[in-house]
Protein backbone atom coordinates (compact mmCIF):
# COMPACT_ATOMS: atom_id res chain seq x y z
CA MET A 1 34.05 53.88 -23.50
CA ASP A 2 34.38 54.51 -19.81
CA LEU A 3 34.36 52.02 -16.95
CA ALA A 4 30.68 52.56 -16.04
CA SER A 5 29.57 51.85 -19.59
CA ASN A 6 31.68 48.69 -19.76
CA LEU A 7 30.31 47.53 -16.41
CA THR A 8 26.73 48.17 -17.51
CA SER A 9 27.26 46.30 -20.77
CA GLY A 10 28.88 43.38 -18.98
CA LEU A 11 26.12 43.20 -16.39
CA ALA A 12 23.45 43.36 -19.11
CA LEU A 13 25.18 40.51 -20.96
CA LEU A 14 25.41 38.46 -17.77
CA LEU A 15 21.72 39.01 -17.01
CA GLY A 16 20.81 38.09 -20.58
CA LEU A 17 22.71 34.82 -20.31
CA ALA A 18 21.11 34.09 -16.93
CA MET A 19 17.68 34.72 -18.49
CA VAL A 20 18.42 32.27 -21.31
CA LEU A 21 19.62 29.62 -18.84
CA ALA A 22 16.57 30.06 -16.63
CA ALA A 23 14.31 29.83 -19.69
CA LEU A 24 16.02 26.60 -20.74
CA VAL A 25 15.49 25.18 -17.25
CA ALA A 26 11.81 26.17 -17.43
CA ILE A 27 11.44 24.38 -20.75
CA LEU A 28 13.47 21.25 -20.07
CA VAL A 29 12.67 20.39 -16.46
CA ARG A 30 9.95 17.84 -15.75
CA SER A 31 8.90 19.23 -12.36
CA THR A 32 6.09 21.75 -12.73
CA PRO A 33 6.94 23.82 -9.60
CA ILE A 34 10.58 24.13 -10.73
CA ALA A 35 9.40 25.23 -14.19
CA ILE A 36 7.13 27.86 -12.64
CA LEU A 37 9.94 29.19 -10.45
CA SER A 38 12.31 29.27 -13.42
CA ALA A 39 9.81 31.24 -15.47
CA GLY A 40 9.44 33.68 -12.58
CA LEU A 41 13.22 33.96 -12.41
CA VAL A 42 13.34 34.93 -16.09
CA SER A 43 10.90 37.72 -15.37
CA LEU A 44 12.84 38.82 -12.30
CA PHE A 45 16.08 38.97 -14.30
CA ALA A 46 14.24 40.97 -16.95
CA SER A 47 13.10 43.49 -14.35
CA VAL A 48 16.68 43.93 -13.10
CA LEU A 49 17.82 44.36 -16.70
CA PHE A 50 15.20 47.04 -17.28
CA LEU A 51 16.41 48.80 -14.14
CA ILE A 52 20.00 48.75 -15.42
CA LEU A 53 18.83 50.11 -18.77
CA ALA A 54 17.27 53.12 -16.98
CA ALA A 55 13.63 52.12 -17.27
CA PRO A 56 12.53 51.93 -13.62
CA ASP A 57 8.80 52.14 -14.40
CA VAL A 58 8.99 49.13 -16.72
CA ALA A 59 11.20 47.29 -14.21
CA MET A 60 8.70 47.84 -11.41
CA THR A 61 5.80 46.69 -13.57
CA GLU A 62 7.70 43.60 -14.72
CA ALA A 63 8.64 42.70 -11.15
CA ALA A 64 5.12 43.16 -9.82
CA ILE A 65 3.13 41.58 -12.65
CA GLY A 66 5.56 39.35 -14.51
CA SER A 67 7.48 37.92 -11.61
CA GLY A 68 5.18 38.28 -8.64
CA LEU A 69 1.58 38.01 -9.74
CA THR A 70 2.09 35.54 -12.59
CA THR A 71 4.15 33.16 -10.46
CA PHE A 72 1.58 33.33 -7.69
CA LEU A 73 -1.23 32.72 -10.17
CA PHE A 74 0.53 29.69 -11.66
CA PHE A 75 1.03 28.16 -8.21
CA PHE A 76 -2.59 28.92 -7.28
CA VAL A 77 -3.91 27.23 -10.41
CA LEU A 78 -1.53 24.30 -9.93
CA ALA A 79 -2.84 23.78 -6.40
CA ARG A 80 -6.43 23.95 -7.64
CA VAL A 81 -5.77 21.46 -10.43
CA ARG A 82 -3.99 19.05 -8.10
CA GLY A 83 -6.77 19.47 -5.56
CA GLY A 84 -9.33 18.61 -8.23
CA GLU A 85 -7.40 15.48 -9.16
CA SER A 86 -7.33 14.22 -5.56
CA GLU A 87 -11.06 14.88 -5.13
CA ALA A 88 -11.81 13.01 -8.35
CA SER A 89 -9.72 10.03 -7.25
CA ASP A 90 -11.49 9.96 -3.84
CA ASP A 91 -14.85 9.48 -5.56
CA ASP A 92 -13.71 6.27 -7.28
């Protein structure tokens, strides 16, 4: 194996471990915004991993949909749900 192959394998392993750690943070943390950001980070690491594995089309799709749009949608829904809770408590 040459140096480039070893570097690619090492970087893929490092990204895989970072994905697992970010997923554990998303599962174990009690703060919803931190969990949403951690889930988005998993998707972002996955897109970089796809880019390293020579799949740029999949990497671009994962970054745009998985990391970008999904994280935005989660925060949008969270704001709507929290807004609904404050309006319901104002009526009491």
